[in-house]
Amino acid sequence: MNEDIKTNERILKRIQNELAPLKKEAAEACKLWASGNNKFLIADEKLQHRQENGLTTDYKDKNGVVINKTVEKLWLVKKGWKQESIELTQRRDVAREAMRKKEEEIRTQEKLLSELLHTHKIQLEQTDTMVDKVFMLNDGVVASLENMDKYLASDVFPHLHEKATQKMIENSTFTKKVVIMTNSINIMDVAKVEEAKREIDAFFTRINPTKEVTPEDDTISMLADLLKELLVVKIKVKAGPNLSKFLGMELNEEKFPELRKAQRLLASATNYVRSGKYVRLYIREHKDDVWQAARQS
């Protein structure tokens, strides 16, 4: 739209500039006509004056020889004015007609530009209204979220036990449910993890030094598979289900001394830290229906 407006403004300016020389041409024709007509009237008046005073109004003798230069000039002015007047009048009329057409063209272009500006103004107003509404709605959302965060912190989250990771709260009709949940991260003591890895490596070396014999004991075979998943190159130990499973295994101290020591090291190296709380909302029509997740911002 801005480009259309600029284009039409340039067109209007060009047309307006084209009108100026036409006005100048018409004014010049009028000025020359007025000057010529004034000379004609003066010449006519002087000739009449000469005639009234018995002075000759002839400027040639019977042989055609000029005998009076002054009278000759008066007659040349008077006789030449008719044709000159016609030519100047035509020149003026042509210029005026061109001016009329150019002015009509200007009015048309001004109307088009006015319509474009009006449309552009409406679009700007609509855009401003839209932007203002978005900001207004956003302010409402932000305020609502802030109020919700304050309410959750003061009235909802306290229901979750300090060491718990989740708690469900249902309404009296069992159709709405709030689930308080936590985010947690595992912080590992690198030195202890590396020592535990050395113990685990020592265990594998002891039971299978050549790495070619498959352990026949089912427990050792299961441990081998589990610990291979637990160990990750460059990461040392992967915190997750396998780590929990490994730490929860009851291993014989005499049979698996390296693994028992690795268990103690990893257990003391792992620190679970709660990083935040949040809620999930669920809803259903009747208490026997399946819970459906409610929309949340």
Protein backbone atom coordinates (compact mmCIF):
# COMPACT_ATOMS: atom_id res chain seq x y z
CA MET A 1 0.00 0.00 0.00
CA ASN A 2 2.81 2.43 0.86
CA GLU A 3 4.42 1.79 -2.52
CA ASP A 4 1.10 2.43 -4.32
CA ILE A 5 0.72 5.73 -2.46
CA LYS A 6 4.26 6.81 -3.32
CA THR A 7 3.73 5.89 -6.98
CA ASN A 8 0.50 7.90 -7.20
CA GLU A 9 2.08 10.86 -5.41
CA ARG A 10 4.84 10.88 -8.02
CA ILE A 11 2.23 10.72 -10.82
CA LEU A 12 0.28 13.61 -9.28
CA LYS A 13 3.42 15.72 -8.91
CA ARG A 14 4.38 15.06 -12.53
CA ILE A 15 0.92 16.10 -13.79
CA GLN A 16 0.99 19.23 -11.62
CA ASN A 17 4.40 20.10 -13.04
CA GLU A 18 3.02 19.64 -16.58
CA LEU A 19 0.23 22.15 -15.80
CA ALA A 20 2.65 24.99 -14.98
CA PRO A 21 4.00 25.57 -18.55
CA LEU A 22 0.42 25.46 -19.92
CA LYS A 23 -0.59 28.21 -17.53
CA LYS A 24 2.46 30.17 -18.55
CA GLU A 25 1.58 29.71 -22.25
CA ALA A 26 -2.01 30.91 -21.74
CA ALA A 27 -0.84 33.89 -19.68
CA GLU A 28 1.75 34.79 -22.34
CA ALA A 29 -0.87 34.67 -25.10
CA CYS A 30 -3.20 36.90 -23.07
CA LYS A 31 -0.38 39.32 -22.31
CA LEU A 32 0.61 39.57 -25.99
CA TRP A 33 -3.03 40.00 -27.03
CA ALA A 34 -3.56 42.77 -24.49
CA SER A 35 -0.39 44.51 -25.63
CA GLY A 36 -1.30 44.14 -29.32
CA ASN A 37 -4.86 45.31 -28.74
CA ASN A 38 -3.61 48.35 -26.84
CA LYS A 39 -1.28 49.24 -29.72
CA PHE A 40 -4.20 48.81 -32.12
CA LEU A 41 -6.42 51.16 -30.13
CA ILE A 42 -3.67 53.78 -29.90
CA ALA A 43 -2.97 53.58 -33.62
CA ASP A 44 -6.66 53.84 -34.45
CA GLU A 45 -7.06 56.80 -32.13
CA LYS A 46 -4.08 58.62 -33.68
CA LEU A 47 -5.35 58.07 -37.20
CA GLN A 48 -8.78 59.42 -36.24
CA HIS A 49 -7.13 62.39 -34.57
CA ARG A 50 -5.13 63.16 -37.74
CA GLN A 51 -8.26 62.89 -39.81
CA GLU A 52 -10.19 65.19 -37.49
CA ASN A 53 -7.40 67.74 -37.61
CA GLY A 54 -7.11 67.72 -41.41
CA LEU A 55 -3.85 65.82 -41.39
CA THR A 56 -3.20 63.20 -43.98
CA THR A 57 -3.86 59.60 -43.12
CA ASP A 58 -2.16 58.40 -46.29
CA TYR A 59 1.42 57.24 -46.09
CA LYS A 60 1.96 56.66 -49.84
CA ASP A 61 1.63 58.94 -52.86
CA LYS A 62 -0.07 58.05 -56.13
CA ASN A 63 3.09 56.28 -57.27
CA GLY A 64 3.20 54.07 -54.15
CA VAL A 65 6.13 55.80 -52.60
CA VAL A 66 6.10 56.08 -48.81
CA ILE A 67 5.74 59.70 -47.89
CA ASN A 68 4.99 59.43 -44.14
CA LYS A 69 6.75 56.83 -41.99
CA THR A 70 4.71 57.66 -38.87
CA VAL A 71 1.38 57.09 -40.62
CA GLU A 72 2.79 53.96 -42.22
CA LYS A 73 3.58 52.48 -38.80
CA LEU A 74 0.07 53.34 -37.54
CA TRP A 75 -1.56 51.60 -40.51
CA LEU A 76 0.72 48.56 -40.18
CA VAL A 77 -0.33 48.19 -36.55
CA LYS A 78 -4.01 48.59 -37.36
CA LYS A 79 -4.10 46.36 -40.41
CA GLY A 80 -1.94 43.57 -38.89
CA TRP A 81 -3.84 43.37 -35.63
CA LYS A 82 -6.81 41.37 -36.93
CA GLN A 83 -4.73 38.35 -37.96
CA GLU A 84 -2.45 38.66 -34.97
CA SER A 85 -5.49 38.81 -32.68
CA ILE A 86 -6.89 35.62 -34.22
CA GLU A 87 -3.57 33.81 -33.80
CA LEU A 88 -3.09 34.94 -30.20
CA THR A 89 -6.68 34.05 -29.32
CA GLN A 90 -6.21 30.57 -30.79
CA ARG A 91 -2.93 30.21 -28.94
CA ARG A 92 -4.66 31.20 -25.69
CA ASP A 93 -7.62 28.85 -26.31
CA VAL A 94 -5.36 25.90 -27.13
CA ALA A 95 -3.41 26.48 -23.92
CA ARG A 96 -6.61 26.86 -21.90
CA GLU A 97 -8.05 23.62 -23.32
CA ALA A 98 -4.85 21.79 -22.48
CA MET A 99 -5.04 23.31 -19.00
CA ARG A 100 -8.62 22.12 -18.61
CA LYS A 101 -7.71 18.56 -19.56
CA LYS A 102 -4.65 18.60 -17.32
CA GLU A 103 -6.67 19.96 -14.38
CA GLU A 104 -9.25 17.21 -14.92
CA GLU A 105 -6.42 14.68 -14.94
CA ILE A 106 -5.12 16.18 -11.69
CA ARG A 107 -8.57 15.96 -10.06
CA THR A 108 -8.85 12.30 -11.10
CA GLN A 109 -5.40 11.55 -9.73
CA GLU A 110 -6.13 13.46 -6.50
CA LYS A 111 -9.31 11.44 -6.04
CA LEU A 112 -7.44 8.17 -6.56
CA LEU A 113 -4.71 9.23 -4.15
CA SER A 114 -7.31 10.33 -1.60
CA GLU A 115 -8.97 6.91 -1.80
CA LEU A 116 -5.62 5.17 -1.36
CA LEU A 117 -4.78 7.35 1.65
CA HIS A 118 -8.21 6.68 3.15
CA THR A 119 -7.81 2.93 2.66
CA HIS A 120 -4.29 3.08 4.11
CA LYS A 121 -5.57 5.01 7.12
CA ILE A 122 -8.24 2.39 7.76
CA GLN A 123 -5.65 -0.38 7.47
CA LEU A 124 -3.37 1.41 9.94
CA GLU A 125 -6.26 1.84 12.37
CA GLN A 126 -7.17 -1.86 12.02
CA THR A 127 -3.53 -2.85 12.55
CA ASP A 128 -3.24 -0.60 15.62
CA THR A 129 -6.47 -2.07 17.01
CA MET A 130 -5.20 -5.61 16.40
CA VAL A 131 -1.82 -4.93 18.03
CA ASP A 132 -3.45 -3.19 21.01
CA LYS A 133 -5.85 -6.13 21.46
CA VAL A 134 -3.01 -8.66 21.33
CA PHE A 135 -1.12 -6.70 23.99
CA MET A 136 -4.29 -6.38 26.07
CA LEU A 137 -4.96 -10.13 25.86
CA ASN A 138 -1.31 -10.86 26.60
CA ASP A 139 -1.44 -8.60 29.65
CA GLY A 140 -4.47 -10.56 30.80
CA VAL A 141 -2.69 -13.89 30.24
CA VAL A 142 0.43 -12.68 32.04
CA ALA A 143 -1.62 -11.40 34.95
CA SER A 144 -3.57 -14.69 35.10
CA LEU A 145 -0.36 -16.72 35.02
CA GLU A 146 1.15 -14.59 37.74
CA ASN A 147 -1.98 -15.02 39.87
CA MET A 148 -1.96 -18.77 39.20
CA ASP A 149 1.73 -19.07 40.11
CA LYS A 150 1.11 -17.22 43.36
CA TYR A 151 -1.92 -19.40 44.16
CA LEU A 152 -0.06 -22.62 43.33
CA ALA A 153 2.85 -21.58 45.52
CA SER A 154 0.68 -20.58 48.47
CA ASP A 155 -2.22 -23.06 48.36
CA VAL A 156 -1.41 -26.02 46.09
CA PHE A 157 2.28 -26.95 46.22
CA PRO A 158 2.34 -27.15 50.05
CA HIS A 159 0.19 -30.33 49.66
CA LEU A 160 3.20 -32.11 48.12
CA HIS A 161 5.42 -33.74 50.74
CA GLU A 162 8.99 -32.50 50.77
CA LYS A 163 10.42 -35.85 49.62
CA ALA A 164 7.53 -36.79 47.32
CA THR A 165 7.71 -36.35 43.56
CA GLN A 166 3.99 -36.43 42.76
CA LYS A 167 0.57 -35.94 44.37
CA MET A 168 -2.97 -36.23 42.97
CA ILE A 169 -5.84 -34.10 44.25
CA GLU A 170 -9.43 -34.73 43.07
CA ASN A 171 -12.63 -32.76 43.60
CA SER A 172 -15.59 -34.19 45.50
CA THR A 173 -17.34 -35.45 42.34
CA PHE A 174 -14.16 -37.11 41.02
CA THR A 175 -14.50 -35.26 37.69
CA LYS A 176 -11.52 -32.93 38.04
CA LYS A 177 -8.01 -33.79 39.07
CA VAL A 178 -4.90 -31.76 39.83
CA VAL A 179 -1.60 -33.61 39.71
CA ILE A 180 1.31 -31.88 41.39
CA MET A 181 4.59 -32.96 39.78
CA THR A 182 8.26 -32.10 40.16
CA ASN A 183 11.26 -31.74 37.91
CA SER A 184 14.44 -33.24 39.28
CA ILE A 185 18.03 -33.42 38.11
CA ASN A 186 20.80 -35.88 39.00
CA ILE A 187 24.06 -34.38 40.19
CA MET A 188 26.89 -36.92 40.12
CA ASP A 189 30.18 -36.75 42.05
CA VAL A 190 32.64 -37.24 39.18
CA ALA A 191 35.49 -38.54 41.36
CA LYS A 192 33.30 -41.23 42.94
CA VAL A 193 31.78 -42.14 39.56
CA GLU A 194 35.25 -42.64 38.06
CA GLU A 195 36.31 -44.79 41.03
CA ALA A 196 33.12 -46.86 40.69
CA LYS A 197 33.85 -47.35 36.99
CA ARG A 198 37.31 -48.66 37.81
CA GLU A 199 35.77 -51.17 40.21
CA ILE A 200 33.28 -52.29 37.56
CA ASP A 201 36.07 -52.61 34.99
CA ALA A 202 38.06 -54.65 37.54
CA PHE A 203 35.03 -56.94 37.94
CA PHE A 204 34.84 -57.61 34.19
CA THR A 205 38.58 -58.18 34.00
CA ARG A 206 38.40 -60.72 36.83
CA ILE A 207 35.50 -62.75 35.45
CA ASN A 208 36.50 -62.57 31.81
CA PRO A 209 40.11 -61.44 31.38
CA THR A 210 40.35 -62.39 27.69
CA LYS A 211 36.87 -60.96 26.88
CA GLU A 212 36.25 -64.05 24.77
CA VAL A 213 34.60 -66.41 27.27
CA THR A 214 30.87 -66.07 27.83
CA PRO A 215 30.01 -66.26 31.57
CA GLU A 216 28.05 -69.42 32.41
CA ASP A 217 26.57 -68.13 35.66
CA ASP A 218 23.13 -66.57 34.96
CA THR A 219 23.60 -63.90 37.60
CA ILE A 220 26.98 -62.87 36.24
CA SER A 221 25.63 -62.92 32.69
CA MET A 222 22.72 -60.68 33.70
CA LEU A 223 25.09 -58.39 35.58
CA ALA A 224 27.36 -58.18 32.57
CA ASP A 225 24.52 -57.13 30.30
CA LEU A 226 23.20 -54.62 32.85
CA LEU A 227 26.56 -53.06 33.55
CA LYS A 228 27.40 -52.81 29.86
CA GLU A 229 24.29 -50.66 29.47
CA LEU A 230 25.20 -48.70 32.57
CA LEU A 231 28.69 -47.83 31.38
CA VAL A 232 28.83 -45.20 28.65
CA VAL A 233 32.04 -44.21 26.91
CA LYS A 234 33.22 -40.69 27.88
CA ILE A 235 30.09 -40.15 29.99
CA LYS A 236 31.32 -42.66 32.59
CA VAL A 237 27.93 -43.60 34.06
CA LYS A 238 24.42 -43.12 32.75
CA ALA A 239 22.00 -41.96 35.46
CA GLY A 240 18.59 -43.50 34.91
CA PRO A 241 16.62 -46.78 35.21
CA ASN A 242 19.68 -48.99 34.82
CA LEU A 243 21.52 -47.14 37.56
CA SER A 244 18.55 -47.51 39.90
CA LYS A 245 18.27 -51.20 39.02
CA PHE A 246 21.99 -51.71 39.69
CA LEU A 247 21.87 -49.90 43.02
CA GLY A 248 18.82 -51.94 44.07
CA MET A 249 20.47 -55.33 43.45
CA GLU A 250 21.44 -57.37 46.53
CA LEU A 251 24.93 -58.61 45.70
CA ASN A 252 27.08 -60.97 47.75
CA GLU A 253 30.04 -59.08 49.16
CA GLU A 254 32.39 -62.07 48.89
CA LYS A 255 31.36 -63.04 45.36
CA PHE A 256 31.12 -59.49 43.93
CA PRO A 257 33.38 -57.26 46.04
CA GLU A 258 34.11 -54.86 43.18
CA LEU A 259 30.40 -54.40 42.38
CA ARG A 260 29.42 -53.93 46.03
CA LYS A 261 32.03 -51.21 46.34
CA ALA A 262 30.81 -49.69 43.05
CA GLN A 263 27.24 -49.72 44.43
CA ARG A 264 28.29 -47.83 47.54
CA LEU A 265 30.30 -45.32 45.52
CA LEU A 266 27.50 -44.66 43.02
CA ALA A 267 24.87 -44.45 45.76
CA SER A 268 26.89 -41.80 47.56
CA ALA A 269 27.81 -40.08 44.27
CA THR A 270 24.22 -39.61 43.17
CA ASN A 271 22.33 -36.59 44.47
CA TYR A 272 18.76 -35.98 43.26
CA VAL A 273 17.83 -32.31 43.35
CA ARG A 274 14.29 -31.03 42.85
CA SER A 275 14.41 -28.17 40.36
CA GLY A 276 10.79 -27.12 40.19
CA LYS A 277 7.11 -27.93 40.63
CA TYR A 278 4.23 -27.83 38.20
CA VAL A 279 0.69 -29.14 37.79
CA ARG A 280 -1.15 -31.24 35.23
CA LEU A 281 -4.93 -30.94 34.99
CA TYR A 282 -7.37 -33.70 34.04
CA ILE A 283 -11.11 -33.76 33.52
CA ARG A 284 -13.93 -36.22 32.77
CA GLU A 285 -17.73 -36.14 32.52
CA HIS A 286 -18.40 -38.88 35.05
CA LYS A 287 -16.29 -40.47 37.76
CA ASP A 288 -16.13 -43.79 35.89
CA ASP A 289 -14.90 -42.23 32.65
CA VAL A 290 -11.28 -42.16 31.55
CA TRP A 291 -9.37 -39.06 32.57
CA GLN A 292 -8.65 -36.59 29.74
CA ALA A 293 -5.87 -34.03 29.89
CA ALA A 294 -7.23 -30.48 30.16
CA ARG A 295 -5.79 -27.67 28.05
CA GLN A 296 -3.20 -25.58 29.86
CA SER A 297 -1.38 -22.41 28.90
